[in-house]
Amino acid sequence: MKDNIRKVILLALSIFLRFIPKKKDECILLSSHIPVQNLGDQALLAGSLEGLKYFKKIHVIQTGSDSPENAVDALRLDKENLVFIKRFHIIFATEKALNELIGFLFYVSRYRLCFAIGADVLDGTYNKSEVRIFFDILNLIAKCNVRVTVVGSSFSKNISNETMTGISSLDHRIRFLCRDVYSLQRVKRFFPVKLSADAAFLMRPSKSIHAYADHQKLSDVKNNRCVIGICLKENDLAKESALQEFCMILSTLKLGNFSPSYVFLPHHQKDFETCRRIQKLMKIFDRSVMPVYLPAANEIKALAQTCDIIITGRMHVAIAALGVSAIPVCYSYGDKFLGLMEHFGLEEAKLIVGEGDQDIKSILLRCYDNKNELKETIIRLRPDVLAAAKRNFIT
């Protein structure tokens, strides 16, 4: 009985709110799970704000437990045109917050456009019960005659039942984009979807780097050597034997006439331990740089500019690499990495470790021998990828 009354109230409210005049020079950004310690979420937020910068005001509404404003502060972004709204996040966690939901709908219905980011939430990674609530709220917004865009998301083979059900029940007026062709193929079974690229491609590199104390060493690390960036998760080298083998291969590696230099690019607080162990096992303190604390996502992108090749198991570090013409060598992350490579026409380059019989040493040697050709390919196709990323925000 209570559920039926709730539905009637919300339906009547959405009909009423359709006729409220909409502001066209301001927009809503629903921002899911943007913790300061997750640089992928930081990059997605920074890229989205860059894509929406033509709006006079961006109303950033927190939908998770972490504040997007904290991430913006960590990124040192200008907040002049940003309005942060924290009070509505409870409605994305429970269906009991009817009064807050009504207030939320009154707030968002004043604007013509609403953009939703947070691929991990939509994939059901964190809290599957929140997925259904999230999609229900998107439907309510659309019923208020607000144009909703789900910004380019990615969905793995293990897409949750809650996510599939939520997508299939979306209002037909909602614009849904996927950032790779494999995700698109999965989603289009349930809902009309279009291809874009990850909004993180739009993030600008930081103008200054604060997390690396020894700036002179950072500038000297190249010194006629090939520079390799490293960002690996604990799971990428889970077994001790795999870590030992990886370090042995890189310790004996020669690219050109020199051993490479290394820049460590931890993407999450947990990555620090893996990076420090690699540095210690390889005994490369004299030709490597390690940050003092976790860099911001735009600092990672700035640091990627110093690298020729970047070895990573993190999707958004590979995106940062491609954004500055560094060559990513990827530890497999399902087919998400393959979809990323296809954006740049690099699928035939075989840059994913474990794809076929590809091992890290053969890939690195091939990258070095063909680095000019690979970089030219990245540079040539990057404008198309940036245009696809901007497509998330062009309505």
Protein backbone atom coordinates (compact mmCIF):
# COMPACT_ATOMS: atom_id res chain seq x y z
CA MET A 1 0.00 0.00 0.00
CA LYS A 2 2.76 2.43 0.96
CA ASP A 3 4.67 1.62 -2.25
CA ASN A 4 1.59 2.40 -4.36
CA ILE A 5 1.03 5.72 -2.58
CA ARG A 6 4.69 6.57 -3.11
CA LYS A 7 4.43 5.82 -6.86
CA VAL A 8 1.30 7.94 -7.22
CA ILE A 9 2.92 10.88 -5.42
CA LEU A 10 6.07 10.71 -7.55
CA LEU A 11 4.13 10.28 -10.80
CA ALA A 12 1.90 13.28 -10.04
CA LEU A 13 4.95 15.34 -9.04
CA SER A 14 6.86 14.46 -12.22
CA ILE A 15 3.87 15.47 -14.36
CA PHE A 16 3.67 18.80 -12.55
CA LEU A 17 7.44 19.39 -12.84
CA ARG A 18 7.43 18.88 -16.61
CA PHE A 19 5.98 22.35 -17.01
CA ILE A 20 8.50 24.22 -14.84
CA PRO A 21 10.68 26.53 -17.00
CA LYS A 22 14.15 25.00 -17.56
CA LYS A 23 17.47 26.82 -17.35
CA LYS A 24 19.55 26.16 -20.45
CA ASP A 25 22.84 27.78 -19.42
CA GLU A 26 23.24 25.58 -16.32
CA CYS A 27 23.24 21.80 -15.90
CA ILE A 28 23.17 18.95 -13.39
CA LEU A 29 26.04 16.47 -12.95
CA LEU A 30 25.22 13.37 -10.90
CA SER A 31 28.58 12.23 -9.58
CA SER A 32 28.83 8.69 -8.19
CA HIS A 33 31.69 7.43 -6.01
CA ILE A 34 34.49 9.98 -6.49
CA PRO A 35 36.82 9.16 -3.59
CA VAL A 36 40.05 11.13 -3.27
CA GLN A 37 41.98 7.83 -3.27
CA ASN A 38 40.57 6.57 -6.62
CA LEU A 39 42.28 8.33 -9.50
CA GLY A 40 40.08 6.69 -12.14
CA ASP A 41 37.03 8.38 -10.62
CA GLN A 42 39.02 11.61 -10.34
CA ALA A 43 39.91 11.46 -14.03
CA LEU A 44 36.29 10.80 -15.00
CA LEU A 45 35.10 13.75 -12.90
CA ALA A 46 37.82 16.09 -14.22
CA GLY A 47 37.09 15.12 -17.83
CA SER A 48 33.36 15.60 -17.32
CA LEU A 49 33.85 19.07 -15.83
CA GLU A 50 36.07 19.95 -18.79
CA GLY A 51 33.40 18.67 -21.21
CA LEU A 52 30.74 20.78 -19.48
CA LYS A 53 32.79 23.95 -19.04
CA TYR A 54 30.67 25.84 -21.58
CA PHE A 55 27.84 25.96 -18.99
CA LYS A 56 27.53 29.02 -16.79
CA LYS A 57 27.00 26.80 -13.73
CA ILE A 58 27.45 23.06 -13.14
CA HIS A 59 25.45 21.72 -10.19
CA VAL A 60 27.45 18.71 -8.99
CA ILE A 61 25.19 16.45 -6.94
CA GLN A 62 26.85 13.84 -4.73
CA THR A 63 25.16 10.44 -5.10
CA GLY A 64 27.62 8.34 -3.09
CA SER A 65 29.30 8.55 0.29
CA ASP A 66 32.32 10.50 -0.99
CA SER A 67 32.27 14.18 -1.84
CA PRO A 68 33.18 15.21 -5.41
CA GLU A 69 34.35 18.54 -3.96
CA ASN A 70 37.20 16.77 -2.16
CA ALA A 71 38.31 15.26 -5.48
CA VAL A 72 38.13 18.67 -7.18
CA ASP A 73 40.32 20.09 -4.40
CA ALA A 74 42.82 17.24 -4.83
CA LEU A 75 42.92 17.98 -8.57
CA ARG A 76 43.36 21.71 -7.82
CA LEU A 77 40.63 22.60 -10.32
CA ASP A 78 38.95 25.97 -10.57
CA LYS A 79 35.60 25.87 -8.72
CA GLU A 80 34.25 29.21 -9.91
CA ASN A 81 31.38 27.74 -11.99
CA LEU A 82 30.73 24.73 -9.71
CA VAL A 83 27.96 24.32 -7.16
CA PHE A 84 28.34 21.26 -4.90
CA ILE A 85 25.16 19.71 -3.50
CA LYS A 86 25.67 17.10 -0.76
CA ARG A 87 22.28 16.89 0.90
CA PHE A 88 20.61 14.54 -1.58
CA HIS A 89 23.01 11.59 -1.46
CA ILE A 90 20.77 9.72 0.98
CA ILE A 91 18.12 9.16 -1.74
CA PHE A 92 20.60 7.05 -3.73
CA ALA A 93 21.12 4.70 -0.79
CA THR A 94 17.58 4.08 0.46
CA GLU A 95 14.05 4.17 -0.90
CA LYS A 96 12.70 5.49 2.40
CA ALA A 97 13.90 9.07 1.88
CA LEU A 98 10.71 10.27 0.15
CA ASN A 99 10.86 13.85 1.44
CA GLU A 100 14.48 14.21 0.27
CA LEU A 101 13.57 12.68 -3.12
CA ILE A 102 10.76 15.20 -3.60
CA GLY A 103 13.17 18.04 -2.76
CA PHE A 104 15.72 16.56 -5.19
CA LEU A 105 13.19 16.43 -8.05
CA PHE A 106 12.17 20.04 -7.43
CA TYR A 107 15.86 20.98 -7.61
CA VAL A 108 16.87 19.13 -10.80
CA SER A 109 13.64 19.89 -12.69
CA ARG A 110 14.75 23.54 -13.01
CA TYR A 111 17.47 22.53 -15.50
CA ARG A 112 17.19 21.26 -19.05
CA LEU A 113 20.13 18.83 -18.96
CA CYS A 114 21.37 16.22 -16.49
CA PHE A 115 24.52 14.11 -16.91
CA ALA A 116 25.24 10.99 -14.85
CA ILE A 117 28.74 9.59 -14.28
CA GLY A 118 29.92 6.60 -12.26
CA ALA A 119 30.58 3.49 -14.35
CA ASP A 120 31.49 1.32 -11.36
CA VAL A 121 28.17 2.04 -9.69
CA LEU A 122 26.27 1.26 -12.88
CA ASP A 123 28.16 -2.03 -13.25
CA GLY A 124 26.97 -3.13 -9.81
CA THR A 125 30.51 -3.28 -8.43
CA TYR A 126 29.89 -1.58 -5.09
CA ASN A 127 26.31 -1.99 -3.94
CA LYS A 128 23.88 -3.83 -6.18
CA SER A 129 20.82 -2.52 -4.34
CA GLU A 130 21.92 1.03 -5.14
CA VAL A 131 22.00 0.24 -8.86
CA ARG A 132 18.22 -0.16 -9.08
CA ILE A 133 17.65 2.99 -7.04
CA PHE A 134 20.04 4.90 -9.30
CA PHE A 135 18.19 3.88 -12.47
CA ASP A 136 14.80 4.56 -10.87
CA ILE A 137 15.93 8.09 -10.06
CA LEU A 138 17.18 8.63 -13.62
CA ASN A 139 13.71 7.62 -14.84
CA LEU A 140 12.05 10.09 -12.49
CA ILE A 141 14.33 12.89 -13.71
CA ALA A 142 13.48 12.06 -17.34
CA LYS A 143 9.76 12.12 -16.53
CA CYS A 144 10.23 15.71 -15.30
CA ASN A 145 11.15 16.65 -18.89
CA VAL A 146 14.86 16.90 -18.08
CA ARG A 147 17.12 15.40 -20.74
CA VAL A 148 19.29 12.75 -19.06
CA THR A 149 22.61 11.48 -20.45
CA VAL A 150 24.44 8.49 -18.99
CA VAL A 151 28.04 9.43 -19.75
CA GLY A 152 30.17 6.81 -21.52
CA SER A 153 30.31 3.79 -19.22
CA SER A 154 31.91 0.38 -19.40
CA PHE A 155 30.32 -2.97 -18.61
CA SER A 156 32.23 -6.23 -18.14
CA LYS A 157 31.20 -9.75 -19.05
CA ASN A 158 30.03 -10.12 -15.46
CA ILE A 159 27.48 -7.33 -15.70
CA SER A 160 25.08 -7.78 -12.78
CA ASN A 161 21.44 -8.80 -13.11
CA GLU A 162 20.48 -5.61 -11.28
CA THR A 163 22.28 -3.55 -13.90
CA MET A 164 20.71 -5.41 -16.82
CA THR A 165 17.24 -5.04 -15.28
CA GLY A 166 17.86 -1.35 -14.58
CA ILE A 167 19.03 -0.62 -18.12
CA SER A 168 16.12 -2.46 -19.73
CA SER A 169 13.65 -0.43 -17.65
CA LEU A 170 15.10 3.00 -18.52
CA ASP A 171 12.87 5.71 -19.92
CA HIS A 172 13.24 5.84 -23.71
CA ARG A 173 14.14 9.54 -23.55
CA ILE A 174 17.38 8.82 -21.68
CA ARG A 175 20.55 9.08 -23.77
CA PHE A 176 22.90 6.19 -22.96
CA LEU A 177 26.53 6.01 -24.10
CA CYS A 178 29.21 3.31 -23.77
CA ARG A 179 32.94 4.01 -23.97
CA ASP A 180 33.92 0.85 -25.90
CA VAL A 181 32.36 -1.37 -28.52
CA TYR A 182 32.28 -4.47 -26.28
CA SER A 183 30.24 -2.68 -23.61
CA LEU A 184 27.98 -1.32 -26.35
CA GLN A 185 27.31 -4.83 -27.66
CA ARG A 186 26.32 -5.99 -24.15
CA VAL A 187 24.04 -3.06 -23.41
CA LYS A 188 22.28 -2.76 -26.77
CA ARG A 189 20.46 -6.01 -26.04
CA PHE A 190 18.50 -4.12 -23.40
CA PHE A 191 18.44 -0.48 -24.47
CA PRO A 192 19.37 1.78 -27.44
CA VAL A 193 22.94 2.89 -26.89
CA LYS A 194 25.57 4.94 -28.70
CA LEU A 195 29.36 4.75 -28.74
CA SER A 196 31.52 7.44 -27.18
CA ALA A 197 34.96 7.47 -25.57
CA ASP A 198 35.87 7.79 -21.91
CA ALA A 199 35.27 11.31 -20.59
CA ALA A 200 38.67 11.05 -18.84
CA PHE A 201 40.33 11.75 -22.20
CA LEU A 202 39.20 15.37 -21.75
CA MET A 203 41.08 15.84 -18.47
CA ARG A 204 43.92 18.35 -18.82
CA PRO A 205 47.39 17.49 -17.41
CA SER A 206 48.28 19.33 -14.24
CA LYS A 207 50.48 22.39 -14.74
CA SER A 208 52.48 21.53 -11.61
CA ILE A 209 53.48 18.28 -9.94
CA HIS A 210 53.37 18.31 -6.15
CA ALA A 211 53.53 14.61 -5.24
CA TYR A 212 57.13 14.17 -6.47
CA ALA A 213 59.49 15.99 -4.12
CA ASP A 214 62.66 15.58 -6.19
CA HIS A 215 61.74 17.69 -9.22
CA GLN A 216 65.33 17.85 -10.44
CA LYS A 217 65.54 14.06 -10.53
CA LEU A 218 62.23 13.99 -12.38
CA SER A 219 63.65 16.27 -15.07
CA ASP A 220 66.95 14.37 -15.21
CA VAL A 221 65.50 10.87 -15.33
CA LYS A 222 65.38 10.77 -19.14
CA ASN A 223 69.07 11.49 -19.74
CA ASN A 224 69.08 9.88 -23.21
CA ARG A 225 67.30 6.80 -21.86
CA CYS A 226 63.93 5.34 -22.75
CA VAL A 227 61.57 6.15 -19.85
CA ILE A 228 59.11 3.48 -18.74
CA GLY A 229 56.20 4.37 -16.46
CA ILE A 230 54.92 1.65 -14.11
CA CYS A 231 51.48 1.42 -12.54
CA LEU A 232 50.53 -2.11 -11.53
CA LYS A 233 47.88 -3.36 -9.14
CA GLU A 234 48.56 -6.04 -6.58
CA ASN A 235 46.45 -8.47 -8.63
CA ASP A 236 48.56 -7.91 -11.76
CA LEU A 237 51.52 -9.64 -10.09
CA ALA A 238 49.66 -11.53 -7.36
CA LYS A 239 52.10 -14.41 -7.08
CA GLU A 240 55.57 -13.77 -5.69
CA SER A 241 57.08 -15.74 -8.56
CA ALA A 242 55.34 -13.45 -11.10
CA LEU A 243 56.69 -10.37 -9.33
CA GLN A 244 60.22 -11.81 -9.21
CA GLU A 245 60.10 -12.73 -12.91
CA PHE A 246 58.77 -9.30 -13.87
CA CYS A 247 61.59 -7.56 -11.97
CA MET A 248 64.24 -9.87 -13.41
CA ILE A 249 63.08 -9.18 -16.97
CA LEU A 250 63.11 -5.42 -16.48
CA SER A 251 66.45 -5.49 -14.61
CA THR A 252 68.21 -7.03 -17.60
CA LEU A 253 66.28 -5.08 -20.24
CA LYS A 254 68.25 -2.92 -22.67
CA LEU A 255 66.45 -0.51 -24.96
CA GLY A 256 68.88 1.03 -27.39
CA ASN A 257 72.28 1.36 -25.74
CA PHE A 258 70.96 2.01 -22.22
CA SER A 259 68.93 0.44 -19.48
CA PRO A 260 65.61 2.32 -19.20
CA SER A 261 64.74 4.83 -16.52
CA TYR A 262 61.49 4.40 -14.60
CA VAL A 263 58.73 6.66 -13.29
CA PHE A 264 56.33 5.02 -10.84
CA LEU A 265 52.71 6.10 -11.23
CA PRO A 266 50.62 4.68 -8.36
CA HIS A 267 46.95 5.06 -9.18
CA HIS A 268 45.56 3.97 -5.82
CA GLN A 269 46.99 3.94 -2.31
CA LYS A 270 47.30 0.16 -2.54
CA ASP A 271 49.54 0.48 -5.63
CA PHE A 272 52.32 2.06 -3.55
CA GLU A 273 53.36 -1.26 -2.00
CA THR A 274 53.64 -2.95 -5.40
CA CYS A 275 55.60 -0.01 -6.84
CA ARG A 276 58.02 0.11 -3.90
CA ARG A 277 58.65 -3.63 -4.04
CA ILE A 278 59.44 -3.41 -7.76
CA GLN A 279 61.83 -0.51 -7.18
CA LYS A 280 63.59 -2.40 -4.37
CA LEU A 281 63.85 -5.73 -6.19
CA MET A 282 65.16 -4.08 -9.35
CA LYS A 283 67.64 -1.89 -7.41
CA ILE A 284 66.95 1.11 -9.64
CA PHE A 285 66.89 3.92 -7.07
CA ASP A 286 69.43 5.90 -9.12
CA ARG A 287 67.31 5.88 -12.30
CA SER A 288 63.74 5.87 -11.02
CA VAL A 289 61.33 8.32 -9.46
CA MET A 290 58.74 7.50 -6.79
CA PRO A 291 56.12 9.96 -5.50
CA VAL A 292 56.09 10.97 -1.84
CA TYR A 293 52.31 10.60 -1.67
CA LEU A 294 49.50 9.60 -4.02
CA PRO A 295 49.45 11.97 -7.02
CA ALA A 296 46.22 13.45 -8.32
CA ALA A 297 44.89 12.04 -11.60
CA ASN A 298 45.94 15.13 -13.58
CA GLU A 299 49.45 14.85 -12.10
CA ILE A 300 49.62 11.26 -13.40
CA LYS A 301 48.72 12.57 -16.85
CA ALA A 302 51.40 15.27 -16.59
CA LEU A 303 53.96 12.65 -15.55
CA ALA A 304 52.92 10.40 -18.42
CA GLN A 305 54.32 13.10 -20.73
CA THR A 306 57.82 12.19 -19.51
CA CYS A 307 57.36 8.52 -20.46
CA ASP A 308 57.87 6.71 -23.74
CA ILE A 309 56.10 3.54 -22.60
CA ILE A 310 53.77 2.92 -19.65
CA ILE A 311 53.16 -0.54 -18.18
CA THR A 312 49.80 -0.58 -16.41
CA GLY A 313 46.93 -2.68 -15.20
CA ARG A 314 44.84 0.45 -14.60
CA MET A 315 42.45 1.57 -17.34
CA HIS A 316 42.67 5.29 -16.60
CA VAL A 317 46.47 5.27 -16.55
CA ALA A 318 46.36 3.75 -20.05
CA ILE A 319 43.92 6.52 -21.01
CA ALA A 320 46.31 9.13 -19.59
CA ALA A 321 49.17 7.54 -21.56
CA LEU A 322 47.27 7.63 -24.85
CA GLY A 323 46.21 11.20 -24.12
CA VAL A 324 49.85 12.35 -24.18
CA SER A 325 51.14 9.93 -26.86
CA ALA A 326 52.89 7.50 -24.53
CA ILE A 327 52.57 3.84 -25.55
CA PRO A 328 50.52 1.77 -23.05
CA VAL A 329 51.50 -1.83 -22.36
CA CYS A 330 48.46 -3.29 -20.62
CA TYR A 331 47.96 -6.09 -18.16
CA SER A 332 44.66 -7.60 -19.26
CA TYR A 333 41.48 -6.17 -17.73
CA GLY A 334 38.87 -8.19 -19.58
CA ASP A 335 38.13 -6.73 -22.98
CA LYS A 336 38.03 -3.14 -21.69
CA PHE A 337 41.68 -2.63 -22.66
CA LEU A 338 41.05 -4.15 -26.08
CA GLY A 339 38.18 -1.73 -26.62
CA LEU A 340 40.48 1.12 -25.64
CA MET A 341 43.14 -0.04 -28.12
CA GLU A 342 40.57 -0.18 -30.91
CA HIS A 343 39.81 3.52 -30.45
CA PHE A 344 43.42 4.18 -31.53
CA GLY A 345 43.73 1.44 -34.14
CA LEU A 346 46.27 -0.39 -31.95
CA GLU A 347 44.55 -3.78 -31.70
CA GLU A 348 47.01 -5.29 -34.20
CA ALA A 349 49.98 -3.95 -32.22
CA LYS A 350 49.32 -6.60 -29.52
CA LEU A 351 50.09 -4.40 -26.52
CA ILE A 352 48.19 -6.49 -23.96
CA VAL A 353 50.23 -8.89 -21.82
CA GLY A 354 48.72 -12.37 -21.93
CA GLU A 355 46.93 -11.76 -25.23
CA GLY A 356 47.94 -14.82 -27.23
CA ASP A 357 51.57 -15.62 -26.40
CA GLN A 358 52.55 -12.02 -25.67
CA ASP A 359 55.02 -11.62 -22.79
CA ILE A 360 56.21 -8.37 -21.27
CA LYS A 361 59.75 -8.47 -22.67
CA SER A 362 58.77 -9.11 -26.29
CA ILE A 363 56.14 -6.35 -26.11
CA LEU A 364 58.59 -3.82 -24.66
CA LEU A 365 61.24 -4.60 -27.27
CA ARG A 366 58.68 -4.32 -30.06
CA CYS A 367 57.35 -1.05 -28.64
CA TYR A 368 60.83 0.43 -28.53
CA ASP A 369 61.68 -0.68 -32.06
CA ASN A 370 58.38 0.69 -33.41
CA LYS A 371 57.84 3.59 -31.04
CA ASN A 372 57.84 6.30 -33.72
CA GLU A 373 55.24 4.48 -35.80
CA LEU A 374 53.08 3.72 -32.73
CA LYS A 375 53.25 7.31 -31.48
CA GLU A 376 52.32 8.62 -34.94
CA THR A 377 49.27 6.34 -34.96
CA ILE A 378 48.20 7.59 -31.53
CA ILE A 379 48.70 11.23 -32.52
CA ARG A 380 46.81 10.76 -35.80
CA LEU A 381 43.73 9.18 -34.19
CA ARG A 382 43.66 11.18 -30.95
CA PRO A 383 41.48 14.00 -32.40
CA ASP A 384 38.82 11.41 -33.31
CA VAL A 385 38.94 9.93 -29.80
CA LEU A 386 38.68 13.39 -28.20
CA ALA A 387 35.68 14.11 -30.42
CA ALA A 388 34.10 10.84 -29.24
CA ALA A 389 34.76 11.84 -25.61
CA LYS A 390 33.13 15.25 -26.19
CA ARG A 391 30.13 13.42 -27.65
CA ASN A 392 29.15 12.56 -24.07
CA PHE A 393 28.32 16.22 -23.48
CA ILE A 394 26.96 17.36 -26.84
CA THR A 395 23.19 17.05 -26.84
